[in-house]
């Protein structure tokens, strides 16, 4: 079970929704279902328009979820992460804070999504 809080100046107030972790849905699909206005264009990880900041809330250590190859390329090209930062995160099992909403699969943790 995952609680996702969406936060943006484009919204009147933050919105927290419940999502089933591990059901292979993306953060973008959950946002669309709840009419959260995350900007996107291609929905397949090519354009980078859906980049969001994902912060893990709660006590435990954030789960290190590796970036897809598409995310690595786009986040480096957009200047959100460097190749060295990606390598460090992968080697140390650290969850990156910048993700693409169309690629990020939900986990069993509470997150704050800023966009």
PDB file of N, CA and C in Angstrom:
ATOM      1  N   UNK A   1       0.839  -1.174   0.000  1.00  0.00           N
ATOM      2  CA  UNK A   1       0.000   0.000   0.000  1.00  0.00           C
ATOM      3  C   UNK A   1       0.883   1.236   0.000  1.00  0.00           C
ATOM      4  N   UNK A   2       0.505   2.209  -0.798  1.00  0.00           N
ATOM      5  CA  UNK A   2       1.288   3.425  -0.912  1.00  0.00           C
ATOM      6  C   UNK A   2       0.370   4.640  -0.801  1.00  0.00           C
ATOM      7  N   UNK A   3       0.812   5.606  -0.030  1.00  0.00           N
ATOM      8  CA  UNK A   3       0.136   6.894   0.014  1.00  0.00           C
ATOM      9  C   UNK A   3       1.002   7.865  -0.762  1.00  0.00           C
ATOM     10  N   UNK A   4       0.404   8.512  -1.728  1.00  0.00           N
ATOM     11  CA  UNK A   4       1.130   9.451  -2.572  1.00  0.00           C
ATOM     12  C   UNK A   4       0.516  10.824  -2.378  1.00  0.00           C
ATOM     13  N   UNK A   5       1.342  11.778  -1.965  1.00  0.00           N
ATOM     14  CA  UNK A   5       0.880  13.147  -1.826  1.00  0.00           C
ATOM     15  C   UNK A   5       1.451  13.961  -2.977  1.00  0.00           C
ATOM     16  N   UNK A   6       0.572  14.541  -3.763  1.00  0.00           N
ATOM     17  CA  UNK A   6       0.971  15.387  -4.887  1.00  0.00           C
ATOM     18  C   UNK A   6       0.935  16.831  -4.421  1.00  0.00           C
ATOM     19  N   UNK A   7       1.998  17.577  -4.746  1.00  0.00           N
ATOM     20  CA  UNK A   7       2.092  18.969  -4.332  1.00  0.00           C
ATOM     21  C   UNK A   7       2.629  19.808  -5.487  1.00  0.00           C
ATOM     22  N   UNK A   8       1.911  20.878  -5.782  1.00  0.00           N
ATOM     23  CA  UNK A   8       2.325  21.760  -6.874  1.00  0.00           C
ATOM     24  C   UNK A   8       1.640  23.112  -6.737  1.00  0.00           C
ATOM     25  N   UNK A   9       2.332  24.177  -7.163  1.00  0.00           N
ATOM     26  CA  UNK A   9       1.669  25.484  -7.199  1.00  0.00           C
ATOM     27  C   UNK A   9       0.477  25.495  -8.168  1.00  0.00           C
ATOM     28  N   UNK A  10       0.439  24.519  -9.081  1.00  0.00           N
ATOM     29  CA  UNK A  10      -0.662  24.439 -10.044  1.00  0.00           C
ATOM     30  C   UNK A  10      -1.945  23.879  -9.421  1.00  0.00           C
ATOM     31  N   UNK A  11      -1.853  23.417  -8.170  1.00  0.00           N
ATOM     32  CA  UNK A  11      -3.014  22.845  -7.485  1.00  0.00           C
ATOM     33  C   UNK A  11      -3.446  23.764  -6.346  1.00  0.00           C
ATOM     34  N   UNK A  12      -4.736  23.778  -6.040  1.00  0.00           N
ATOM     35  CA  UNK A  12      -5.235  24.604  -4.942  1.00  0.00           C
ATOM     36  C   UNK A  12      -4.691  24.137  -3.605  1.00  0.00           C
ATOM     37  N   UNK A  13      -4.583  22.820  -3.434  1.00  0.00           N
ATOM     38  CA  UNK A  13      -4.026  22.246  -2.207  1.00  0.00           C
ATOM     39  C   UNK A  13      -3.421  20.888  -2.537  1.00  0.00           C
ATOM     40  N   UNK A  14      -2.584  20.400  -1.632  1.00  0.00           N
ATOM     41  CA  UNK A  14      -1.982  19.086  -1.822  1.00  0.00           C
ATOM     42  C   UNK A  14      -3.074  18.022  -1.844  1.00  0.00           C
ATOM     43  N   UNK A  15      -2.801  16.944  -2.555  1.00  0.00           N
ATOM     44  CA  UNK A  15      -3.747  15.841  -2.655  1.00  0.00           C
ATOM     45  C   UNK A  15      -3.025  14.544  -2.312  1.00  0.00           C
ATOM     46  N   UNK A  16      -3.562  13.799  -1.341  1.00  0.00           N
ATOM     47  CA  UNK A  16      -3.002  12.500  -0.986  1.00  0.00           C
ATOM     48  C   UNK A  16      -3.946  11.417  -1.483  1.00  0.00           C
ATOM     49  N   UNK A  17      -3.387  10.448  -2.201  1.00  0.00           N
ATOM     50  CA  UNK A  17      -4.181   9.342  -2.729  1.00  0.00           C
ATOM     51  C   UNK A  17      -3.546   8.022  -2.294  1.00  0.00           C
ATOM     52  N   UNK A  18      -4.369   7.011  -2.245  1.00  0.00           N
ATOM     53  CA  UNK A  18      -3.931   5.668  -1.898  1.00  0.00           C
ATOM     54  C   UNK A  18      -3.742   4.901  -3.199  1.00  0.00           C
ATOM     55  N   UNK A  19      -2.652   4.181  -3.311  1.00  0.00           N
ATOM     56  CA  UNK A  19      -2.400   3.365  -4.489  1.00  0.00           C
ATOM     57  C   UNK A  19      -1.851   2.017  -4.042  1.00  0.00           C
ATOM     58  N   UNK A  20      -2.139   0.996  -4.793  1.00  0.00           N
ATOM     59  CA  UNK A  20      -1.645  -0.337  -4.481  1.00  0.00           C
ATOM     60  C   UNK A  20      -0.228  -0.460  -5.018  1.00  0.00           C
ATOM     61  N   UNK A  21       0.714  -0.695  -4.110  1.00  0.00           N
ATOM     62  CA  UNK A  21       2.111  -0.840  -4.513  1.00  0.00           C
ATOM     63  C   UNK A  21       2.294  -2.149  -5.274  1.00  0.00           C
ATOM     64  N   UNK A  22       3.158  -2.115  -6.266  1.00  0.00           N
ATOM     65  CA  UNK A  22       3.493  -3.328  -6.996  1.00  0.00           C
ATOM     66  C   UNK A  22       2.495  -3.731  -8.060  1.00  0.00           C
ATOM     67  N   UNK A  23       1.506  -2.889  -8.340  1.00  0.00           N
ATOM     68  CA  UNK A  23       0.537  -3.282  -9.365  1.00  0.00           C
ATOM     69  C   UNK A  23       0.990  -2.891 -10.772  1.00  0.00           C
ATOM     70  N   UNK A  24       2.233  -2.453 -10.892  1.00  0.00           N
ATOM     71  CA  UNK A  24       2.882  -2.112 -12.160  1.00  0.00           C
ATOM     72  C   UNK A  24       2.298  -0.860 -12.808  1.00  0.00           C
ATOM     73  N   UNK A  25       1.643  -0.028 -12.017  1.00  0.00           N
ATOM     74  CA  UNK A  25       1.162   1.253 -12.525  1.00  0.00           C
ATOM     75  C   UNK A  25       2.233   2.297 -12.297  1.00  0.00           C
ATOM     76  N   UNK A  26       2.260   3.268 -13.153  1.00  0.00           N
ATOM     77  CA  UNK A  26       3.226   4.355 -12.999  1.00  0.00           C
ATOM     78  C   UNK A  26       2.614   5.477 -12.172  1.00  0.00           C
ATOM     79  N   UNK A  27       3.487   6.303 -11.675  1.00  0.00           N
ATOM     80  CA  UNK A  27       3.062   7.482 -10.939  1.00  0.00           C
ATOM     81  C   UNK A  27       2.181   8.368 -11.829  1.00  0.00           C
ATOM     82  N   UNK A  28       2.522   8.471 -13.092  1.00  0.00           N
ATOM     83  CA  UNK A  28       1.736   9.280 -14.022  1.00  0.00           C
ATOM     84  C   UNK A  28       0.325   8.724 -14.174  1.00  0.00           C
ATOM     85  N   UNK A  29       0.172   7.414 -14.272  1.00  0.00           N
ATOM     86  CA  UNK A  29      -1.174   6.849 -14.431  1.00  0.00           C
ATOM     87  C   UNK A  29      -2.034   7.095 -13.193  1.00  0.00           C
ATOM     88  N   UNK A  30      -1.440   7.047 -12.010  1.00  0.00           N
ATOM     89  CA  UNK A  30      -2.180   7.351 -10.777  1.00  0.00           C
ATOM     90  C   UNK A  30      -2.569   8.830 -10.774  1.00  0.00           C
ATOM     91  N   UNK A  31      -1.646   9.693 -11.178  1.00  0.00           N
ATOM     92  CA  UNK A  31      -1.945  11.126 -11.249  1.00  0.00           C
ATOM     93  C   UNK A  31      -3.098  11.392 -12.216  1.00  0.00           C
ATOM     94  N   UNK A  32      -3.060  10.756 -13.368  1.00  0.00           N
ATOM     95  CA  UNK A  32      -4.128  10.944 -14.358  1.00  0.00           C
ATOM     96  C   UNK A  32      -5.478  10.480 -13.811  1.00  0.00           C
ATOM     97  N   UNK A  33      -5.473   9.342 -13.120  1.00  0.00           N
ATOM     98  CA  UNK A  33      -6.711   8.797 -12.554  1.00  0.00           C
ATOM     99  C   UNK A  33      -7.356   9.780 -11.575  1.00  0.00           C
ATOM    100  N   UNK A  34      -6.515  10.521 -10.841  1.00  0.00           N
ATOM    101  CA  UNK A  34      -7.012  11.462  -9.830  1.00  0.00           C
ATOM    102  C   UNK A  34      -6.992  12.915 -10.303  1.00  0.00           C
ATOM    103  N   UNK A  35      -6.840  13.093 -11.595  1.00  0.00           N
ATOM    104  CA  UNK A  35      -6.873  14.425 -12.222  1.00  0.00           C
ATOM    105  C   UNK A  35      -5.820  15.379 -11.654  1.00  0.00           C
ATOM    106  N   UNK A  36      -4.637  14.835 -11.337  1.00  0.00           N
ATOM    107  CA  UNK A  36      -3.514  15.636 -10.871  1.00  0.00           C
ATOM    108  C   UNK A  36      -2.806  16.172 -12.117  1.00  0.00           C
ATOM    109  N   UNK A  37      -2.591  17.485 -12.200  1.00  0.00           N
ATOM    110  CA  UNK A  37      -2.097  18.090 -13.437  1.00  0.00           C
ATOM    111  C   UNK A  37      -0.575  18.002 -13.670  1.00  0.00           C
ATOM    112  N   UNK A  38      -0.022  16.791 -13.626  1.00  0.00           N
ATOM    113  CA  UNK A  38       1.395  16.627 -13.976  1.00  0.00           C
ATOM    114  C   UNK A  38       1.513  16.769 -15.484  1.00  0.00           C
ATOM    115  N   UNK A  39       2.397  17.644 -15.905  1.00  0.00           N
ATOM    116  CA  UNK A  39       2.598  17.848 -17.339  1.00  0.00           C
ATOM    117  C   UNK A  39       3.285  16.627 -17.946  1.00  0.00           C
ATOM    118  N   UNK A  40       2.850  16.227 -19.120  1.00  0.00           N
ATOM    119  CA  UNK A  40       3.489  15.135 -19.847  1.00  0.00           C
ATOM    120  C   UNK A  40       3.204  15.311 -21.330  1.00  0.00           C
ATOM    121  N   UNK A  41       4.008  14.678 -22.142  1.00  0.00           N
ATOM    122  CA  UNK A  41       3.795  14.714 -23.586  1.00  0.00           C
ATOM    123  C   UNK A  41       3.757  13.318 -24.180  1.00  0.00           C
ATOM    124  N   UNK A  42       4.846  12.565 -24.042  1.00  0.00           N
ATOM    125  CA  UNK A  42       4.936  11.300 -24.774  1.00  0.00           C
ATOM    126  C   UNK A  42       4.468  10.073 -23.997  1.00  0.00           C
ATOM    127  N   UNK A  43       4.518  10.096 -22.689  1.00  0.00           N
ATOM    128  CA  UNK A  43       4.139   8.991 -21.804  1.00  0.00           C
ATOM    129  C   UNK A  43       5.006   7.735 -21.937  1.00  0.00           C
ATOM    130  N   UNK A  44       6.132   7.806 -22.632  1.00  0.00           N
ATOM    131  CA  UNK A  44       6.961   6.605 -22.774  1.00  0.00           C
ATOM    132  C   UNK A  44       8.429   6.840 -22.431  1.00  0.00           C
ATOM    133  N   UNK A  45       8.736   7.930 -21.751  1.00  0.00           N
ATOM    134  CA  UNK A  45      10.097   8.143 -21.270  1.00  0.00           C
ATOM    135  C   UNK A  45      11.056   8.763 -22.255  1.00  0.00           C
ATOM    136  N   UNK A  46      10.564   9.353 -23.298  1.00  0.00           N
ATOM    137  CA  UNK A  46      11.435   9.945 -24.314  1.00  0.00           C
ATOM    138  C   UNK A  46      11.644  11.450 -24.152  1.00  0.00           C
ATOM    139  N   UNK A  47      10.620  12.171 -23.707  1.00  0.00           N
ATOM    140  CA  UNK A  47      10.684  13.629 -23.755  1.00  0.00           C
ATOM    141  C   UNK A  47      11.168  14.289 -22.460  1.00  0.00           C
ATOM    142  N   UNK A  48      10.900  13.688 -21.322  1.00  0.00           N
ATOM    143  CA  UNK A  48      11.324  14.271 -20.047  1.00  0.00           C
ATOM    144  C   UNK A  48      10.411  15.346 -19.510  1.00  0.00           C
ATOM    145  N   UNK A  49       9.248  15.541 -20.110  1.00  0.00           N
ATOM    146  CA  UNK A  49       8.360  16.607 -19.649  1.00  0.00           C
ATOM    147  C   UNK A  49       7.680  16.282 -18.315  1.00  0.00           C
ATOM    148  N   UNK A  50       7.705  15.027 -17.893  1.00  0.00           N
ATOM    149  CA  UNK A  50       7.013  14.628 -16.661  1.00  0.00           C
ATOM    150  C   UNK A  50       7.974  14.440 -15.484  1.00  0.00           C
ATOM    151  N   UNK A  51       9.125  15.097 -15.512  1.00  0.00           N
ATOM    152  CA  UNK A  51      10.084  14.965 -14.415  1.00  0.00           C
ATOM    153  C   UNK A  51       9.477  15.549 -13.146  1.00  0.00           C
ATOM    154  N   UNK A  52       9.551  14.767 -12.064  1.00  0.00           N
ATOM    155  CA  UNK A  52       9.030  15.183 -10.764  1.00  0.00           C
ATOM    156  C   UNK A  52      10.076  14.901  -9.694  1.00  0.00           C
ATOM    157  N   UNK A  53       9.912  15.552  -8.560  1.00  0.00           N
ATOM    158  CA  UNK A  53      10.762  15.288  -7.402  1.00  0.00           C
ATOM    159  C   UNK A  53       9.984  14.368  -6.469  1.00  0.00           C
ATOM    160  N   UNK A  54      10.574  13.226  -6.108  1.00  0.00           N
ATOM    161  CA  UNK A  54       9.917  12.251  -5.248  1.00  0.00           C
ATOM    162  C   UNK A  54      10.678  12.173  -3.927  1.00  0.00           C
ATOM    163  N   UNK A  55      10.004  12.543  -2.843  1.00  0.00           N
ATOM    164  CA  UNK A  55      10.608  12.508  -1.517  1.00  0.00           C
ATOM    165  C   UNK A  55       9.890  11.463  -0.679  1.00  0.00           C
ATOM    166  N   UNK A  56      10.644  10.568  -0.083  1.00  0.00           N
ATOM    167  CA  UNK A  56      10.059   9.521   0.745  1.00  0.00           C
ATOM    168  C   UNK A  56       9.753  10.082   2.127  1.00  0.00           C
ATOM    169  N   UNK A  57       8.530   9.867   2.579  1.00  0.00           N
ATOM    170  CA  UNK A  57       8.087  10.323   3.891  1.00  0.00           C
ATOM    171  C   UNK A  57       8.123   9.143   4.853  1.00  0.00           C
ATOM    172  N   UNK A  58       8.113   9.420   6.111  1.00  0.00           N
ATOM    173  CA  UNK A  58       8.076   8.344   7.089  1.00  0.00           C
ATOM    174  C   UNK A  58       9.454   7.996   7.601  1.00  0.00           C
ATOM    175  N   UNK A  59       9.498   6.897   8.332  1.00  0.00           N
ATOM    176  CA  UNK A  59      10.700   6.547   9.057  1.00  0.00           C
ATOM    177  C   UNK A  59      11.696   5.739   8.258  1.00  0.00           C
ATOM    178  N   UNK A  60      11.425   4.646   7.735  1.00  0.00           N
ATOM    179  CA  UNK A  60      12.410   3.748   7.146  1.00  0.00           C
ATOM    180  C   UNK A  60      13.289   4.356   6.067  1.00  0.00           C
ATOM    181  N   UNK A  61      14.327   3.626   5.743  1.00  0.00           N
ATOM    182  CA  UNK A  61      15.239   4.045   4.678  1.00  0.00           C
ATOM    183  C   UNK A  61      14.508   3.947   3.338  1.00  0.00           C
ATOM    184  N   UNK A  62      14.646   4.963   2.484  1.00  0.00           N
ATOM    185  CA  UNK A  62      13.995   4.895   1.166  1.00  0.00           C
ATOM    186  C   UNK A  62      14.470   3.661   0.401  1.00  0.00           C
ATOM    187  N   UNK A  63      13.550   3.080  -0.331  1.00  0.00           N
ATOM    188  CA  UNK A  63      13.880   1.900  -1.118  1.00  0.00           C
ATOM    189  C   UNK A  63      14.622   2.335  -2.376  1.00  0.00           C
ATOM    190  N   UNK A  64      15.777   1.766  -2.602  1.00  0.00           N
ATOM    191  CA  UNK A  64      16.564   2.116  -3.775  1.00  0.00           C
ATOM    192  C   UNK A  64      15.991   1.482  -5.018  1.00  0.00           C
ATOM    193  N   UNK A  65      15.364   2.271  -5.832  1.00  0.00           N
ATOM    194  CA  UNK A  65      14.794   1.780  -7.073  1.00  0.00           C
ATOM    195  C   UNK A  65      15.632   2.340  -8.203  1.00  0.00           C
ATOM    196  N   UNK A  66      16.158   1.450  -8.972  1.00  0.00           N
ATOM    197  CA  UNK A  66      17.040   1.894 -10.045  1.00  0.00           C
ATOM    198  C   UNK A  66      16.259   2.575 -11.162  1.00  0.00           C
ATOM    199  N   UNK A  67      16.896   3.544 -11.748  1.00  0.00           N
ATOM    200  CA  UNK A  67      16.323   4.257 -12.873  1.00  0.00           C
ATOM    201  C   UNK A  67      16.303   3.368 -14.105  1.00  0.00           C
ATOM    202  N   UNK A  68      15.289   3.551 -14.940  1.00  0.00           N
ATOM    203  CA  UNK A  68      15.298   2.862 -16.228  1.00  0.00           C
ATOM    204  C   UNK A  68      16.373   3.526 -17.088  1.00  0.00           C
ATOM    205  N   UNK A  69      16.787   2.853 -18.132  1.00  0.00           N
ATOM    206  CA  UNK A  69      17.786   3.438 -19.030  1.00  0.00           C
ATOM    207  C   UNK A  69      17.271   4.732 -19.647  1.00  0.00           C
ATOM    208  N   UNK A  70      15.987   4.771 -19.964  1.00  0.00           N
ATOM    209  CA  UNK A  70      15.387   5.997 -20.511  1.00  0.00           C
ATOM    210  C   UNK A  70      15.505   7.134 -19.504  1.00  0.00           C
ATOM    211  N   UNK A  71      15.191   6.839 -18.238  1.00  0.00           N
ATOM    212  CA  UNK A  71      15.277   7.878 -17.208  1.00  0.00           C
ATOM    213  C   UNK A  71      16.700   8.393 -17.062  1.00  0.00           C
ATOM    214  N   UNK A  72      17.655   7.487 -17.033  1.00  0.00           N
ATOM    215  CA  UNK A  72      19.054   7.911 -16.895  1.00  0.00           C
ATOM    216  C   UNK A  72      19.413   8.898 -17.993  1.00  0.00           C
ATOM    217  N   UNK A  73      19.118   8.548 -19.216  1.00  0.00           N
ATOM    218  CA  UNK A  73      19.468   9.401 -20.360  1.00  0.00           C
ATOM    219  C   UNK A  73      18.785  10.759 -20.264  1.00  0.00           C
ATOM    220  N   UNK A  74      17.485  10.759 -20.035  1.00  0.00           N
ATOM    221  CA  UNK A  74      16.722  12.013 -20.019  1.00  0.00           C
ATOM    222  C   UNK A  74      17.109  12.885 -18.827  1.00  0.00           C
ATOM    223  N   UNK A  75      17.291  12.296 -17.647  1.00  0.00           N
ATOM    224  CA  UNK A  75      17.640  13.088 -16.469  1.00  0.00           C
ATOM    225  C   UNK A  75      19.036  13.684 -16.578  1.00  0.00           C
ATOM    226  N   UNK A  76      19.949  12.983 -17.222  1.00  0.00           N
ATOM    227  CA  UNK A  76      21.284  13.544 -17.456  1.00  0.00           C
ATOM    228  C   UNK A  76      21.192  14.676 -18.473  1.00  0.00           C
ATOM    229  N   UNK A  77      20.465  14.455 -19.563  1.00  0.00           N
ATOM    230  CA  UNK A  77      20.324  15.498 -20.589  1.00  0.00           C
ATOM    231  C   UNK A  77      19.618  16.742 -20.052  1.00  0.00           C
ATOM    232  N   UNK A  78      18.681  16.570 -19.119  1.00  0.00           N
ATOM    233  CA  UNK A  78      17.956  17.700 -18.523  1.00  0.00           C
ATOM    234  C   UNK A  78      18.724  18.361 -17.390  1.00  0.00           C
ATOM    235  N   UNK A  79      19.883  17.798 -17.016  1.00  0.00           N
ATOM    236  CA  UNK A  79      20.691  18.387 -15.959  1.00  0.00           C
ATOM    237  C   UNK A  79      20.194  18.105 -14.546  1.00  0.00           C
ATOM    238  N   UNK A  80      19.268  17.176 -14.388  1.00  0.00           N
ATOM    239  CA  UNK A  80      18.752  16.835 -13.055  1.00  0.00           C
ATOM    240  C   UNK A  80      19.732  15.955 -12.290  1.00  0.00           C
ATOM    241  N   UNK A  81      20.429  15.061 -12.985  1.00  0.00           N
ATOM    242  CA  UNK A  81      21.416  14.173 -12.379  1.00  0.00           C
ATOM    243  C   UNK A  81      22.629  14.076 -13.291  1.00  0.00           C
ATOM    244  N   UNK A  82      23.776  13.811 -12.694  1.00  0.00           N
ATOM    245  CA  UNK A  82      24.977  13.559 -13.490  1.00  0.00           C
ATOM    246  C   UNK A  82      25.192  12.050 -13.591  1.00  0.00           C
ATOM    247  N   UNK A  83      25.986  11.630 -14.530  1.00  0.00           N
ATOM    248  CA  UNK A  83      26.305  10.202 -14.654  1.00  0.00           C
ATOM    249  C   UNK A  83      26.977   9.689 -13.387  1.00  0.00           C
ATOM    250  N   UNK A  84      27.805  10.529 -12.769  1.00  0.00           N
ATOM    251  CA  UNK A  84      28.481  10.145 -11.528  1.00  0.00           C
ATOM    252  C   UNK A  84      27.485   9.957 -10.386  1.00  0.00           C
ATOM    253  N   UNK A  85      26.487  10.842 -10.298  1.00  0.00           N
ATOM    254  CA  UNK A  85      25.464  10.711  -9.256  1.00  0.00           C
ATOM    255  C   UNK A  85      24.662   9.418  -9.452  1.00  0.00           C
ATOM    256  N   UNK A  86      24.335   9.119 -10.678  1.00  0.00           N
ATOM    257  CA  UNK A  86      23.589   7.890 -10.968  1.00  0.00           C
ATOM    258  C   UNK A  86      24.403   6.667 -10.561  1.00  0.00           C
ATOM    259  N   UNK A  87      25.673   6.663 -10.911  1.00  0.00           N
ATOM    260  CA  UNK A  87      26.542   5.540 -10.556  1.00  0.00           C
ATOM    261  C   UNK A  87      26.628   5.386  -9.040  1.00  0.00           C
ATOM    262  N   UNK A  88      26.789   6.503  -8.334  1.00  0.00           N
ATOM    263  CA  UNK A  88      26.865   6.475  -6.869  1.00  0.00           C
ATOM    264  C   UNK A  88      25.571   5.918  -6.266  1.00  0.00           C
ATOM    265  N   UNK A  89      24.422   6.351  -6.772  1.00  0.00           N
ATOM    266  CA  UNK A  89      23.136   5.881  -6.262  1.00  0.00           C
ATOM    267  C   UNK A  89      22.960   4.386  -6.502  1.00  0.00           C
ATOM    268  N   UNK A  90      23.351   3.923  -7.666  1.00  0.00           N
ATOM    269  CA  UNK A  90      23.212   2.504  -7.974  1.00  0.00           C
ATOM    270  C   UNK A  90      24.135   1.645  -7.116  1.00  0.00           C
ATOM    271  N   UNK A  91      25.359   2.092  -6.929  1.00  0.00           N
ATOM    272  CA  UNK A  91      26.316   1.325  -6.131  1.00  0.00           C
ATOM    273  C   UNK A  91      25.921   1.264  -4.662  1.00  0.00           C
ATOM    274  N   UNK A  92      25.280   2.314  -4.171  1.00  0.00           N
ATOM    275  CA  UNK A  92      24.938   2.404  -2.753  1.00  0.00           C
ATOM    276  C   UNK A  92      23.451   2.176  -2.470  1.00  0.00           C
ATOM    277  N   UNK A  93      22.707   1.740  -3.476  1.00  0.00           N
ATOM    278  CA  UNK A  93      21.279   1.453  -3.344  1.00  0.00           C
ATOM    279  C   UNK A  93      20.525   2.640  -2.740  1.00  0.00           C
ATOM    280  N   UNK A  94      20.728   3.793  -3.341  1.00  0.00           N
ATOM    281  CA  UNK A  94      20.086   5.033  -2.898  1.00  0.00           C
ATOM    282  C   UNK A  94      19.009   5.414  -3.911  1.00  0.00           C
ATOM    283  N   UNK A  95      17.859   5.770  -3.407  1.00  0.00           N
ATOM    284  CA  UNK A  95      16.767   6.180  -4.284  1.00  0.00           C
ATOM    285  C   UNK A  95      17.011   7.604  -4.790  1.00  0.00           C
ATOM    286  N   UNK A  96      16.942   7.822  -6.091  1.00  0.00           N
ATOM    287  CA  UNK A  96      17.100   9.183  -6.615  1.00  0.00           C
ATOM    288  C   UNK A  96      15.869  10.024  -6.318  1.00  0.00           C
ATOM    289  N   UNK A  97      16.071  11.328  -6.129  1.00  0.00           N
ATOM    290  CA  UNK A  97      14.910  12.171  -5.858  1.00  0.00           C
ATOM    291  C   UNK A  97      14.227  12.636  -7.140  1.00  0.00           C
ATOM    292  N   UNK A  98      14.931  12.678  -8.245  1.00  0.00           N
ATOM    293  CA  UNK A  98      14.327  13.079  -9.518  1.00  0.00           C
ATOM    294  C   UNK A  98      13.908  11.832 -10.273  1.00  0.00           C
ATOM    295  N   UNK A  99      12.672  11.811 -10.698  1.00  0.00           N
ATOM    296  CA  UNK A  99      12.144  10.675 -11.446  1.00  0.00           C
ATOM    297  C   UNK A  99      11.263  11.180 -12.575  1.00  0.00           C
ATOM    298  N   UNK A 100      10.985  10.305 -13.503  1.00  0.00           N
ATOM    299  CA  UNK A 100      10.017  10.607 -14.555  1.00  0.00           C
ATOM    300  C   UNK A 100       8.721   9.906 -14.169  1.00  0.00           C
ATOM    301  N   UNK A 101       7.648  10.663 -14.069  1.00  0.00           N
ATOM    302  CA  UNK A 101       6.375  10.111 -13.603  1.00  0.00           C
ATOM    303  C   UNK A 101       5.889   8.970 -14.495  1.00  0.00           C
ATOM    304  N   UNK A 102       6.225   8.995 -15.766  1.00  0.00           N
ATOM    305  CA  UNK A 102       5.777   7.943 -16.679  1.00  0.00           C
ATOM    306  C   UNK A 102       6.588   6.656 -16.539  1.00  0.00           C
ATOM    307  N   UNK A 103       7.700   6.691 -15.808  1.00  0.00           N
ATOM    308  CA  UNK A 103       8.563   5.520 -15.645  1.00  0.00           C
ATOM    309  C   UNK A 103       8.575   4.992 -14.211  1.00  0.00           C
ATOM    310  N   UNK A 104       8.226   5.814 -13.244  1.00  0.00           N
ATOM    311  CA  UNK A 104       8.325   5.455 -11.839  1.00  0.00           C
ATOM    312  C   UNK A 104       7.192   4.518 -11.431  1.00  0.00           C
ATOM    313  N   UNK A 105       7.556   3.316 -11.006  1.00  0.00           N
ATOM    314  CA  UNK A 105       6.575   2.336 -10.530  1.00  0.00           C
ATOM    315  C   UNK A 105       6.387   2.521  -9.022  1.00  0.00           C
ATOM    316  N   UNK A 106       5.170   2.387  -8.574  1.00  0.00           N
ATOM    317  CA  UNK A 106       4.840   2.604  -7.176  1.00  0.00           C
ATOM    318  C   UNK A 106       5.414   1.519  -6.274  1.00  0.00           C
ATOM    319  N   UNK A 107       5.844   1.941  -5.096  1.00  0.00           N
ATOM    320  CA  UNK A 107       6.380   1.032  -4.092  1.00  0.00           C
ATOM    321  C   UNK A 107       5.519   1.103  -2.847  1.00  0.00           C
ATOM    322  N   UNK A 108       5.824   0.243  -1.900  1.00  0.00           N
ATOM    323  CA  UNK A 108       5.102   0.235  -0.632  1.00  0.00           C
ATOM    324  C   UNK A 108       5.735   1.233   0.318  1.00  0.00           C
ATOM    325  N   UNK A 109       5.591   2.513  -0.004  1.00  0.00           N
ATOM    326  CA  UNK A 109       6.106   3.567   0.857  1.00  0.00           C
ATOM    327  C   UNK A 109       5.326   4.850   0.607  1.00  0.00           C
ATOM    328  N   UNK A 110       5.370   5.725   1.580  1.00  0.00           N
ATOM    329  CA  UNK A 110       4.678   6.991   1.493  1.00  0.00           C
ATOM    330  C   UNK A 110       5.599   8.015   0.842  1.00  0.00           C
ATOM    331  N   UNK A 111       5.114   8.680  -0.207  1.00  0.00           N
ATOM    332  CA  UNK A 111       5.958   9.641  -0.907  1.00  0.00           C
ATOM    333  C   UNK A 111       5.244  10.960  -1.123  1.00  0.00           C
ATOM    334  N   UNK A 112       6.066  12.008  -1.236  1.00  0.00           N
ATOM    335  CA  UNK A 112       5.600  13.336  -1.599  1.00  0.00           C
ATOM    336  C   UNK A 112       6.138  13.595  -2.995  1.00  0.00           C
ATOM    337  N   UNK A 113       5.253  13.937  -3.911  1.00  0.00           N
ATOM    338  CA  UNK A 113       5.631  14.195  -5.295  1.00  0.00           C
ATOM    339  C   UNK A 113       5.449  15.675  -5.570  1.00  0.00           C
ATOM    340  N   UNK A 114       6.569  16.347  -5.852  1.00  0.00           N
ATOM    341  CA  UNK A 114       6.525  17.775  -6.162  1.00  0.00           C
ATOM    342  C   UNK A 114       6.738  17.967  -7.659  1.00  0.00           C
ATOM    343  N   UNK A 115       5.971  18.874  -8.210  1.00  0.00           N
ATOM    344  CA  UNK A 115       6.118  19.179  -9.638  1.00  0.00           C
ATOM    345  C   UNK A 115       5.711  20.603  -9.900  1.00  0.00           C
TER     346      UNK A 115
END
